[in-house]
PDB file of N, CA and C in Angstrom:
ATOM      1  N   MET A   1       0.824  -1.196   0.000  1.00  0.00           N
ATOM      2  CA  MET A   1       0.000   0.000   0.000  1.00  0.00           C
ATOM      3  C   MET A   1       0.865   1.256   0.000  1.00  0.00           C
ATOM      4  N   LEU A   2       1.984   1.213   0.699  1.00  0.00           N
ATOM      5  CA  LEU A   2       2.842   2.385   0.765  1.00  0.00           C
ATOM      6  C   LEU A   2       3.426   2.725  -0.610  1.00  0.00           C
ATOM      7  N   ARG A   3       3.774   1.709  -1.393  1.00  0.00           N
ATOM      8  CA  ARG A   3       4.296   1.967  -2.739  1.00  0.00           C
ATOM      9  C   ARG A   3       3.252   2.666  -3.606  1.00  0.00           C
ATOM     10  N   LEU A   4       1.989   2.292  -3.436  1.00  0.00           N
ATOM     11  CA  LEU A   4       0.928   2.932  -4.204  1.00  0.00           C
ATOM     12  C   LEU A   4       0.858   4.420  -3.867  1.00  0.00           C
ATOM     13  N   MET A   5       1.003   4.753  -2.602  1.00  0.00           N
ATOM     14  CA  MET A   5       0.983   6.163  -2.208  1.00  0.00           C
ATOM     15  C   MET A   5       2.196   6.911  -2.766  1.00  0.00           C
ATOM     16  N   ASP A   6       3.357   6.256  -2.766  1.00  0.00           N
ATOM     17  CA  ASP A   6       4.544   6.892  -3.331  1.00  0.00           C
ATOM     18  C   ASP A   6       4.382   7.135  -4.824  1.00  0.00           C
ATOM     19  N   TRP A   7       3.825   6.154  -5.528  1.00  0.00           N
ATOM     20  CA  TRP A   7       3.610   6.326  -6.961  1.00  0.00           C
ATOM     21  C   TRP A   7       2.554   7.394  -7.231  1.00  0.00           C
ATOM     22  N   SER A   8       1.591   7.550  -6.324  1.00  0.00           N
ATOM     23  CA  SER A   8       0.591   8.599  -6.528  1.00  0.00           C
ATOM     24  C   SER A   8       1.213   9.989  -6.377  1.00  0.00           C
ATOM     25  N   VAL A   9       2.220  10.119  -5.508  1.00  0.00           N
ATOM     26  CA  VAL A   9       2.937  11.397  -5.390  1.00  0.00           C
ATOM     27  C   VAL A   9       3.689  11.691  -6.687  1.00  0.00           C
ATOM     28  N   VAL A  10       4.310  10.664  -7.261  1.00  0.00           N
ATOM     29  CA  VAL A  10       5.018  10.840  -8.529  1.00  0.00           C
ATOM     30  C   VAL A  10       4.025  11.203  -9.637  1.00  0.00           C
ATOM     31  N   ALA A  11       2.872  10.564  -9.648  1.00  0.00           N
ATOM     32  CA  ALA A  11       1.853  10.869 -10.666  1.00  0.00           C
ATOM     33  C   ALA A  11       1.336  12.294 -10.514  1.00  0.00           C
ATOM     34  N   LEU A  12       1.142  12.753  -9.277  1.00  0.00           N
ATOM     35  CA  LEU A  12       0.709  14.126  -9.055  1.00  0.00           C
ATOM     36  C   LEU A  12       1.786  15.112  -9.512  1.00  0.00           C
ATOM     37  N   GLY A  13       3.053  14.787  -9.274  1.00  0.00           N
ATOM     38  CA  GLY A  13       4.144  15.627  -9.756  1.00  0.00           C
ATOM     39  C   GLY A  13       4.147  15.707 -11.273  1.00  0.00           C
ATOM     40  N   CYS A  14       3.916  14.577 -11.928  1.00  0.00           N
ATOM     41  CA  CYS A  14       3.848  14.572 -13.398  1.00  0.00           C
ATOM     42  C   CYS A  14       2.672  15.412 -13.886  1.00  0.00           C
ATOM     43  N   ALA A  15       1.544  15.330 -13.185  1.00  0.00           N
ATOM     44  CA  ALA A  15       0.384  16.139 -13.567  1.00  0.00           C
ATOM     45  C   ALA A  15       0.684  17.630 -13.416  1.00  0.00           C
ATOM     46  N   LEU A  16       1.408  18.008 -12.369  1.00  0.00           N
ATOM     47  CA  LEU A  16       1.777  19.409 -12.202  1.00  0.00           C
ATOM     48  C   LEU A  16       2.706  19.887 -13.318  1.00  0.00           C
ATOM     49  N   VAL A  17       3.649  19.047 -13.703  1.00  0.00           N
ATOM     50  CA  VAL A  17       4.573  19.417 -14.781  1.00  0.00           C
ATOM     51  C   VAL A  17       3.816  19.565 -16.097  1.00  0.00           C
ATOM     52  N   VAL A  18       2.945  18.624 -16.404  1.00  0.00           N
ATOM     53  CA  VAL A  18       2.162  18.699 -17.647  1.00  0.00           C
ATOM     54  C   VAL A  18       1.239  19.913 -17.622  1.00  0.00           C
ATOM     55  N   GLY A  19       0.607  20.181 -16.476  1.00  0.00           N
ATOM     56  CA  GLY A  19      -0.251  21.358 -16.357  1.00  0.00           C
ATOM     57  C   GLY A  19       0.529  22.652 -16.536  1.00  0.00           C
ATOM     58  N   SER A  20       1.739  22.690 -16.010  1.00  0.00           N
ATOM     59  CA  SER A  20       2.581  23.871 -16.167  1.00  0.00           C
ATOM     60  C   SER A  20       2.972  24.077 -17.616  1.00  0.00           C
ATOM     61  N   LEU A  21       3.340  23.010 -18.290  1.00  0.00           N
ATOM     62  CA  LEU A  21       3.686  23.125 -19.708  1.00  0.00           C
ATOM     63  C   LEU A  21       2.472  23.542 -20.530  1.00  0.00           C
ATOM     64  N   GLY A  22       1.292  23.044 -20.166  1.00  0.00           N
ATOM     65  CA  GLY A  22       0.067  23.462 -20.839  1.00  0.00           C
ATOM     66  C   GLY A  22      -0.233  24.930 -20.602  1.00  0.00           C
ATOM     67  N   SER A  23       0.041  25.402 -19.408  1.00  0.00           N
ATOM     68  CA  SER A  23      -0.167  26.814 -19.097  1.00  0.00           C
ATOM     69  C   SER A  23       0.773  27.698 -19.896  1.00  0.00           C
ATOM     70  N   ARG A  24       2.015  27.276 -20.040  1.00  0.00           N
ATOM     71  CA  ARG A  24       2.968  28.059 -20.840  1.00  0.00           C
ATOM     72  C   ARG A  24       2.552  28.065 -22.308  1.00  0.00           C
ATOM     73  N   TRP A  25       2.060  26.912 -22.798  1.00  0.00           N
ATOM     74  CA  TRP A  25       1.577  26.846 -24.172  1.00  0.00           C
ATOM     75  C   TRP A  25       0.400  27.800 -24.349  1.00  0.00           C
ATOM     76  N   TRP A  26      -0.521  27.826 -23.380  1.00  0.00           N
ATOM     77  CA  TRP A  26      -1.689  28.693 -23.453  1.00  0.00           C
ATOM     78  C   TRP A  26      -1.273  30.157 -23.461  1.00  0.00           C
ATOM     79  N   GLU A  27      -0.232  30.508 -22.687  1.00  0.00           N
ATOM     80  CA  GLU A  27       0.287  31.875 -22.696  1.00  0.00           C
ATOM     81  C   GLU A  27       0.777  32.267 -24.085  1.00  0.00           C
ATOM     82  N   ARG A  28       1.466  31.350 -24.733  1.00  0.00           N
ATOM     83  CA  ARG A  28       1.983  31.646 -26.076  1.00  0.00           C
ATOM     84  C   ARG A  28       0.851  31.809 -27.084  1.00  0.00           C
ATOM     85  N   VAL A  29      -0.200  31.019 -26.941  1.00  0.00           N
ATOM     86  CA  VAL A  29      -1.342  31.151 -27.846  1.00  0.00           C
ATOM     87  C   VAL A  29      -2.006  32.512 -27.650  1.00  0.00           C
ATOM     88  N   LYS A  30      -2.170  32.917 -26.390  1.00  0.00           N
ATOM     89  CA  LYS A  30      -2.765  34.223 -26.118  1.00  0.00           C
ATOM     90  C   LYS A  30      -1.866  35.345 -26.602  1.00  0.00           C
ATOM     91  N   ALA A  31      -0.552  35.192 -26.476  1.00  0.00           N
ATOM     92  CA  ALA A  31       0.369  36.235 -26.927  1.00  0.00           C
ATOM     93  C   ALA A  31       0.355  36.360 -28.449  1.00  0.00           C
ATOM     94  N   SER A  32       0.167  35.244 -29.138  1.00  0.00           N
ATOM     95  CA  SER A  32       0.127  35.315 -30.605  1.00  0.00           C
ATOM     96  C   SER A  32      -1.143  36.008 -31.092  1.00  0.00           C
ATOM     97  N   LYS A  33      -2.185  36.028 -30.258  1.00  0.00           N
ATOM     98  CA  LYS A  33      -3.423  36.725 -30.616  1.00  0.00           C
ATOM     99  C   LYS A  33      -3.364  38.206 -30.255  1.00  0.00           C
ATOM    100  N   GLY A  34      -2.243  38.640 -29.678  1.00  0.00           N
ATOM    101  CA  GLY A  34      -2.075  40.049 -29.384  1.00  0.00           C
ATOM    102  C   GLY A  34      -2.325  40.436 -27.945  1.00  0.00           C
ATOM    103  N   GLU A  35      -2.727  39.504 -27.101  1.00  0.00           N
ATOM    104  CA  GLU A  35      -2.958  39.816 -25.700  1.00  0.00           C
ATOM    105  C   GLU A  35      -1.637  39.718 -24.944  1.00  0.00           C
ATOM    106  N   GLY A  36      -1.350  40.695 -24.121  1.00  0.00           N
ATOM    107  CA  GLY A  36      -0.111  40.692 -23.345  1.00  0.00           C
ATOM    108  C   GLY A  36      -0.204  39.726 -22.174  1.00  0.00           C
ATOM    109  N   PRO A  37       0.888  39.038 -21.870  1.00  0.00           N
ATOM    110  CA  PRO A  37       0.858  38.118 -20.727  1.00  0.00           C
ATOM    111  C   PRO A  37       0.833  38.877 -19.409  1.00  0.00           C
ATOM    112  N   ASP A  38       0.126  38.350 -18.437  1.00  0.00           N
ATOM    113  CA  ASP A  38       0.067  38.931 -17.104  1.00  0.00           C
ATOM    114  C   ASP A  38       1.299  38.470 -16.333  1.00  0.00           C
ATOM    115  N   GLN A  39       2.245  39.370 -16.098  1.00  0.00           N
ATOM    116  CA  GLN A  39       3.514  38.991 -15.482  1.00  0.00           C
ATOM    117  C   GLN A  39       3.335  38.503 -14.048  1.00  0.00           C
ATOM    118  N   GLY A  40       2.359  39.033 -13.331  1.00  0.00           N
ATOM    119  CA  GLY A  40       2.146  38.615 -11.952  1.00  0.00           C
ATOM    120  C   GLY A  40       1.664  37.178 -11.853  1.00  0.00           C
ATOM    121  N   MET A  41       0.808  36.771 -12.769  1.00  0.00           N
ATOM    122  CA  MET A  41       0.270  35.416 -12.734  1.00  0.00           C
ATOM    123  C   MET A  41       1.190  34.418 -13.411  1.00  0.00           C
ATOM    124  N   ARG A  42       2.183  34.893 -14.132  1.00  0.00           N
ATOM    125  CA  ARG A  42       3.080  33.993 -14.846  1.00  0.00           C
ATOM    126  C   ARG A  42       3.805  33.055 -13.892  1.00  0.00           C
ATOM    127  N   LEU A  43       4.229  33.575 -12.747  1.00  0.00           N
ATOM    128  CA  LEU A  43       4.912  32.755 -11.757  1.00  0.00           C
ATOM    129  C   LEU A  43       4.002  31.650 -11.254  1.00  0.00           C
ATOM    130  N   PHE A  44       2.781  32.000 -10.921  1.00  0.00           N
ATOM    131  CA  PHE A  44       1.878  31.023 -10.339  1.00  0.00           C
ATOM    132  C   PHE A  44       1.318  30.048 -11.357  1.00  0.00           C
ATOM    133  N   SER A  45       1.156  30.478 -12.583  1.00  0.00           N
ATOM    134  CA  SER A  45       0.544  29.593 -13.567  1.00  0.00           C
ATOM    135  C   SER A  45       1.541  28.700 -14.285  1.00  0.00           C
ATOM    136  N   ALA A  46       2.813  29.075 -14.306  1.00  0.00           N
ATOM    137  CA  ALA A  46       3.771  28.285 -15.077  1.00  0.00           C
ATOM    138  C   ALA A  46       4.938  27.783 -14.234  1.00  0.00           C
ATOM    139  N   TRP A  47       5.629  28.666 -13.576  1.00  0.00           N
ATOM    140  CA  TRP A  47       6.875  28.255 -12.921  1.00  0.00           C
ATOM    141  C   TRP A  47       6.657  27.528 -11.612  1.00  0.00           C
ATOM    142  N   LEU A  48       5.738  27.992 -10.784  1.00  0.00           N
ATOM    143  CA  LEU A  48       5.540  27.357  -9.483  1.00  0.00           C
ATOM    144  C   LEU A  48       5.075  25.904  -9.608  1.00  0.00           C
ATOM    145  N   PRO A  49       4.071  25.591 -10.431  1.00  0.00           N
ATOM    146  CA  PRO A  49       3.696  24.175 -10.579  1.00  0.00           C
ATOM    147  C   PRO A  49       4.805  23.321 -11.196  1.00  0.00           C
ATOM    148  N   LEU A  50       5.562  23.910 -12.122  1.00  0.00           N
ATOM    149  CA  LEU A  50       6.654  23.162 -12.731  1.00  0.00           C
ATOM    150  C   LEU A  50       7.698  22.782 -11.687  1.00  0.00           C
ATOM    151  N   LEU A  51       8.121  23.741 -10.898  1.00  0.00           N
ATOM    152  CA  LEU A  51       9.132  23.461  -9.884  1.00  0.00           C
ATOM    153  C   LEU A  51       8.614  22.518  -8.799  1.00  0.00           C
ATOM    154  N   MET A  52       7.382  22.703  -8.374  1.00  0.00           N
ATOM    155  CA  MET A  52       6.828  21.814  -7.352  1.00  0.00           C
ATOM    156  C   MET A  52       6.661  20.395  -7.887  1.00  0.00           C
ATOM    157  N   GLY A  53       6.241  20.266  -9.131  1.00  0.00           N
ATOM    158  CA  GLY A  53       6.110  18.943  -9.732  1.00  0.00           C
ATOM    159  C   GLY A  53       7.447  18.238  -9.851  1.00  0.00           C
ATOM    160  N   LEU A  54       8.475  18.977 -10.273  1.00  0.00           N
ATOM    161  CA  LEU A  54       9.817  18.385 -10.357  1.00  0.00           C
ATOM    162  C   LEU A  54      10.329  17.969  -8.992  1.00  0.00           C
ATOM    163  N   ALA A  55      10.037  18.779  -7.973  1.00  0.00           N
ATOM    164  CA  ALA A  55      10.461  18.422  -6.619  1.00  0.00           C
ATOM    165  C   ALA A  55       9.744  17.166  -6.134  1.00  0.00           C
ATOM    166  N   MET A  56       8.457  17.056  -6.425  1.00  0.00           N
ATOM    167  CA  MET A  56       7.710  15.868  -6.004  1.00  0.00           C
ATOM    168  C   MET A  56       8.217  14.610  -6.700  1.00  0.00           C
ATOM    169  N   ILE A  57       8.501  14.743  -7.981  1.00  0.00           N
ATOM    170  CA  ILE A  57       8.995  13.597  -8.744  1.00  0.00           C
ATOM    171  C   ILE A  57      10.369  13.184  -8.239  1.00  0.00           C
ATOM    172  N   SER A  58      11.251  14.152  -8.083  1.00  0.00           N
ATOM    173  CA  SER A  58      12.621  13.809  -7.691  1.00  0.00           C
ATOM    174  C   SER A  58      12.719  13.367  -6.239  1.00  0.00           C
ATOM    175  N   ALA A  59      11.748  13.695  -5.419  1.00  0.00           N
ATOM    176  CA  ALA A  59      11.787  13.262  -4.026  1.00  0.00           C
ATOM    177  C   ALA A  59      11.466  11.772  -3.883  1.00  0.00           C
ATOM    178  N   ARG A  60      10.622  11.233  -4.721  1.00  0.00           N
ATOM    179  CA  ARG A  60      10.164   9.853  -4.558  1.00  0.00           C
ATOM    180  C   ARG A  60      10.717   8.867  -5.582  1.00  0.00           C
ATOM    181  N   LEU A  61      10.930   9.304  -6.799  1.00  0.00           N
ATOM    182  CA  LEU A  61      11.244   8.391  -7.891  1.00  0.00           C
ATOM    183  C   LEU A  61      12.537   7.597  -7.707  1.00  0.00           C
ATOM    184  N   PRO A  62      13.640   8.181  -7.259  1.00  0.00           N
ATOM    185  CA  PRO A  62      14.873   7.380  -7.135  1.00  0.00           C
ATOM    186  C   PRO A  62      14.733   6.208  -6.161  1.00  0.00           C
ATOM    187  N   ALA A  63      14.052   6.435  -5.062  1.00  0.00           N
ATOM    188  CA  ALA A  63      13.864   5.343  -4.099  1.00  0.00           C
ATOM    189  C   ALA A  63      12.935   4.264  -4.663  1.00  0.00           C
ATOM    190  N   LEU A  64      11.926   4.693  -5.417  1.00  0.00           N
ATOM    191  CA  LEU A  64      11.004   3.719  -5.997  1.00  0.00           C
ATOM    192  C   LEU A  64      11.673   2.871  -7.076  1.00  0.00           C
ATOM    193  N   LEU A  65      12.665   3.438  -7.747  1.00  0.00           N
ATOM    194  CA  LEU A  65      13.377   2.709  -8.789  1.00  0.00           C
ATOM    195  C   LEU A  65      14.602   1.978  -8.257  1.00  0.00           C
ATOM    196  N   HIS A  66      14.779   2.003  -6.932  1.00  0.00           N
ATOM    197  CA  HIS A  66      15.892   1.323  -6.256  1.00  0.00           C
ATOM    198  C   HIS A  66      17.245   1.798  -6.799  1.00  0.00           C
ATOM    199  N   ALA A  67      17.378   3.111  -6.884  1.00  0.00           N
ATOM    200  CA  ALA A  67      18.629   3.693  -7.353  1.00  0.00           C
ATOM    201  C   ALA A  67      19.704   3.541  -6.278  1.00  0.00           C
ATOM    202  N   SER A  68      20.957   3.637  -6.692  1.00  0.00           N
ATOM    203  CA  SER A  68      22.053   3.509  -5.739  1.00  0.00           C
ATOM    204  C   SER A  68      22.093   4.743  -4.826  1.00  0.00           C
ATOM    205  N   HIS A  69      22.789   4.588  -3.715  1.00  0.00           N
ATOM    206  CA  HIS A  69      22.829   5.650  -2.713  1.00  0.00           C
ATOM    207  C   HIS A  69      23.399   6.965  -3.258  1.00  0.00           C
ATOM    208  N   PRO A  70      24.490   6.966  -4.014  1.00  0.00           N
ATOM    209  CA  PRO A  70      24.980   8.254  -4.542  1.00  0.00           C
ATOM    210  C   PRO A  70      23.977   8.956  -5.458  1.00  0.00           C
ATOM    211  N   VAL A  71      23.238   8.184  -6.222  1.00  0.00           N
ATOM    212  CA  VAL A  71      22.223   8.784  -7.105  1.00  0.00           C
ATOM    213  C   VAL A  71      21.117   9.419  -6.264  1.00  0.00           C
ATOM    214  N   VAL A  72      20.684   8.727  -5.219  1.00  0.00           N
ATOM    215  CA  VAL A  72      19.638   9.264  -4.350  1.00  0.00           C
ATOM    216  C   VAL A  72      20.125  10.539  -3.671  1.00  0.00           C
ATOM    217  N   GLU A  73      21.365  10.552  -3.218  1.00  0.00           N
ATOM    218  CA  GLU A  73      21.923  11.746  -2.584  1.00  0.00           C
ATOM    219  C   GLU A  73      21.997  12.918  -3.559  1.00  0.00           C
ATOM    220  N   LEU A  74      22.401  12.666  -4.779  1.00  0.00           N
ATOM    221  CA  LEU A  74      22.484  13.721  -5.788  1.00  0.00           C
ATOM    222  C   LEU A  74      21.103  14.293  -6.097  1.00  0.00           C
ATOM    223  N   VAL A  75      20.135  13.427  -6.248  1.00  0.00           N
ATOM    224  CA  VAL A  75      18.776  13.886  -6.548  1.00  0.00           C
ATOM    225  C   VAL A  75      18.192  14.624  -5.348  1.00  0.00           C
ATOM    226  N   ASP A  76      18.508  14.192  -4.132  1.00  0.00           N
ATOM    227  CA  ASP A  76      18.044  14.918  -2.951  1.00  0.00           C
ATOM    228  C   ASP A  76      18.640  16.322  -2.902  1.00  0.00           C
ATOM    229  N   ALA A  77      19.896  16.455  -3.277  1.00  0.00           N
ATOM    230  CA  ALA A  77      20.512  17.783  -3.313  1.00  0.00           C
ATOM    231  C   ALA A  77      19.839  18.669  -4.356  1.00  0.00           C
ATOM    232  N   LEU A  78      19.525  18.110  -5.519  1.00  0.00           N
ATOM    233  CA  LEU A  78      18.827  18.884  -6.550  1.00  0.00           C
ATOM    234  C   LEU A  78      17.414  19.257  -6.103  1.00  0.00           C
ATOM    235  N   THR A  79      16.759  18.363  -5.384  1.00  0.00           N
ATOM    236  CA  THR A  79      15.430  18.659  -4.842  1.00  0.00           C
ATOM    237  C   THR A  79      15.507  19.811  -3.854  1.00  0.00           C
ATOM    238  N   PHE A  80      16.549  19.813  -3.034  1.00  0.00           N
ATOM    239  CA  PHE A  80      16.739  20.906  -2.082  1.00  0.00           C
ATOM    240  C   PHE A  80      16.909  22.239  -2.813  1.00  0.00           C
ATOM    241  N   VAL A  81      17.645  22.245  -3.899  1.00  0.00           N
ATOM    242  CA  VAL A  81      17.828  23.467  -4.688  1.00  0.00           C
ATOM    243  C   VAL A  81      16.489  23.933  -5.254  1.00  0.00           C
ATOM    244  N   ILE A  82      15.668  23.013  -5.713  1.00  0.00           N
ATOM    245  CA  ILE A  82      14.351  23.370  -6.248  1.00  0.00           C
ATOM    246  C   ILE A  82      13.483  23.975  -5.148  1.00  0.00           C
ATOM    247  N   VAL A  83      13.508  23.376  -3.967  1.00  0.00           N
ATOM    248  CA  VAL A  83      12.703  23.879  -2.852  1.00  0.00           C
ATOM    249  C   VAL A  83      13.151  25.284  -2.456  1.00  0.00           C
ATOM    250  N   VAL A  84      14.450  25.515  -2.395  1.00  0.00           N
ATOM    251  CA  VAL A  84      14.953  26.856  -2.068  1.00  0.00           C
ATOM    252  C   VAL A  84      14.526  27.861  -3.138  1.00  0.00           C
ATOM    253  N   THR A  85      14.544  27.451  -4.391  1.00  0.00           N
ATOM    254  CA  THR A  85      14.104  28.336  -5.474  1.00  0.00           C
ATOM    255  C   THR A  85      12.630  28.697  -5.325  1.00  0.00           C
ATOM    256  N   VAL A  86      11.801  27.731  -4.976  1.00  0.00           N
ATOM    257  CA  VAL A  86      10.374  28.001  -4.762  1.00  0.00           C
ATOM    258  C   VAL A  86      10.199  28.965  -3.593  1.00  0.00           C
ATOM    259  N   LEU A  87      10.970  28.786  -2.527  1.00  0.00           N
ATOM    260  CA  LEU A  87      10.878  29.702  -1.388  1.00  0.00           C
ATOM    261  C   LEU A  87      11.287  31.124  -1.770  1.00  0.00           C
ATOM    262  N   VAL A  88      12.322  31.260  -2.587  1.00  0.00           N
ATOM    263  CA  VAL A  88      12.738  32.591  -3.045  1.00  0.00           C
ATOM    264  C   VAL A  88      11.632  33.229  -3.873  1.00  0.00           C
ATOM    265  N   PHE A  89      11.012  32.458  -4.766  1.00  0.00           N
ATOM    266  CA  PHE A  89       9.899  32.990  -5.555  1.00  0.00           C
ATOM    267  C   PHE A  89       8.748  33.424  -4.648  1.00  0.00           C
ATOM    268  N   ALA A  90       8.449  32.617  -3.636  1.00  0.00           N
ATOM    269  CA  ALA A  90       7.347  32.947  -2.726  1.00  0.00           C
ATOM    270  C   ALA A  90       7.643  34.224  -1.944  1.00  0.00           C
ATOM    271  N   VAL A  91       8.854  34.370  -1.440  1.00  0.00           N
ATOM    272  CA  VAL A  91       9.222  35.570  -0.683  1.00  0.00           C
ATOM    273  C   VAL A  91       9.159  36.807  -1.581  1.00  0.00           C
ATOM    274  N   ARG A  92       9.644  36.685  -2.808  1.00  0.00           N
ATOM    275  CA  ARG A  92       9.584  37.820  -3.740  1.00  0.00           C
ATOM    276  C   ARG A  92       8.136  38.213  -4.038  1.00  0.00           C
ATOM    277  N   SER A  93       7.268  37.222  -4.171  1.00  0.00           N
ATOM    278  CA  SER A  93       5.859  37.507  -4.451  1.00  0.00           C
ATOM    279  C   SER A  93       5.192  38.198  -3.266  1.00  0.00           C
ATOM    280  N   VAL A  94       5.493  37.728  -2.067  1.00  0.00           N
ATOM    281  CA  VAL A  94       4.908  38.340  -0.875  1.00  0.00           C
ATOM    282  C   VAL A  94       5.407  39.776  -0.725  1.00  0.00           C
ATOM    283  N   ARG A  95       6.684  40.006  -0.969  1.00  0.00           N
ATOM    284  CA  ARG A  95       7.222  41.368  -0.897  1.00  0.00           C
ATOM    285  C   ARG A  95       6.541  42.273  -1.915  1.00  0.00           C
ATOM    286  N   ARG A  96       6.304  41.761  -3.118  1.00  0.00           N
ATOM    287  CA  ARG A  96       5.649  42.548  -4.166  1.00  0.00           C
ATOM    288  C   ARG A  96       4.217  42.891  -3.756  1.00  0.00           C
ATOM    289  N   ILE A  97       3.529  41.962  -3.123  1.00  0.00           N
ATOM    290  CA  ILE A  97       2.146  42.203  -2.685  1.00  0.00           C
ATOM    291  C   ILE A  97       2.127  43.285  -1.615  1.00  0.00           C
ATOM    292  N   PHE A  98       3.029  43.200  -0.629  1.00  0.00           N
ATOM    293  CA  PHE A  98       3.046  44.202   0.431  1.00  0.00           C
ATOM    294  C   PHE A  98       3.489  45.566  -0.075  1.00  0.00           C
ATOM    295  N   ARG A  99       4.374  45.610  -1.056  1.00  0.00           N
ATOM    296  CA  ARG A  99       4.766  46.893  -1.645  1.00  0.00           C
ATOM    297  C   ARG A  99       3.592  47.534  -2.368  1.00  0.00           C
ATOM    298  N   ALA A 100       2.819  46.725  -3.067  1.00  0.00           N
ATOM    299  CA  ALA A 100       1.657  47.256  -3.793  1.00  0.00           C
ATOM    300  C   ALA A 100       0.610  47.793  -2.820  1.00  0.00           C
ATOM    301  N   ARG A 101       0.418  47.133  -1.701  1.00  0.00           N
ATOM    302  CA  ARG A 101      -0.548  47.615  -0.701  1.00  0.00           C
ATOM    303  C   ARG A 101      -0.038  48.882  -0.024  1.00  0.00           C
ATOM    304  N   GLY A 102       1.260  48.955   0.183  1.00  0.00           N
ATOM    305  CA  GLY A 102       1.824  50.133   0.849  1.00  0.00           C
ATOM    306  C   GLY A 102       1.747  51.379  -0.004  1.00  0.00           C
ATOM    307  N   SER A 103       1.873  51.227  -1.312  1.00  0.00           N
ATOM    308  CA  SER A 103       1.845  52.388  -2.197  1.00  0.00           C
ATOM    309  C   SER A 103       0.428  52.814  -2.557  1.00  0.00           C
ATOM    310  N   ALA A 104      -0.542  51.965  -2.296  1.00  0.00           N
ATOM    311  CA  ALA A 104      -1.921  52.297  -2.674  1.00  0.00           C
ATOM    312  C   ALA A 104      -2.606  53.169  -1.653  1.00  0.00           C
TER     313      ALA A 104
END
């Protein structure tokens, strides 16, 4: 049963990555029609799901595939970098929101 839950986390990560790629494709379609992309929503609609999906996939997949210990350690380090990147994006977004409220 535990393996099923681990594979469901990997499947959810894949769904986030596919959804993010679909969102980026949709942005390009809208841009080709002359509509400007919303820069504020770009982070949330494309980059955040992509990074979170990659983190979810890389957190579970090496152990499920019985990868060697050095491979698991390397992927864990890359997952940590992805998580730190998401935190930086989140902090920048929160700062932007508070700046907008302060100037209004």
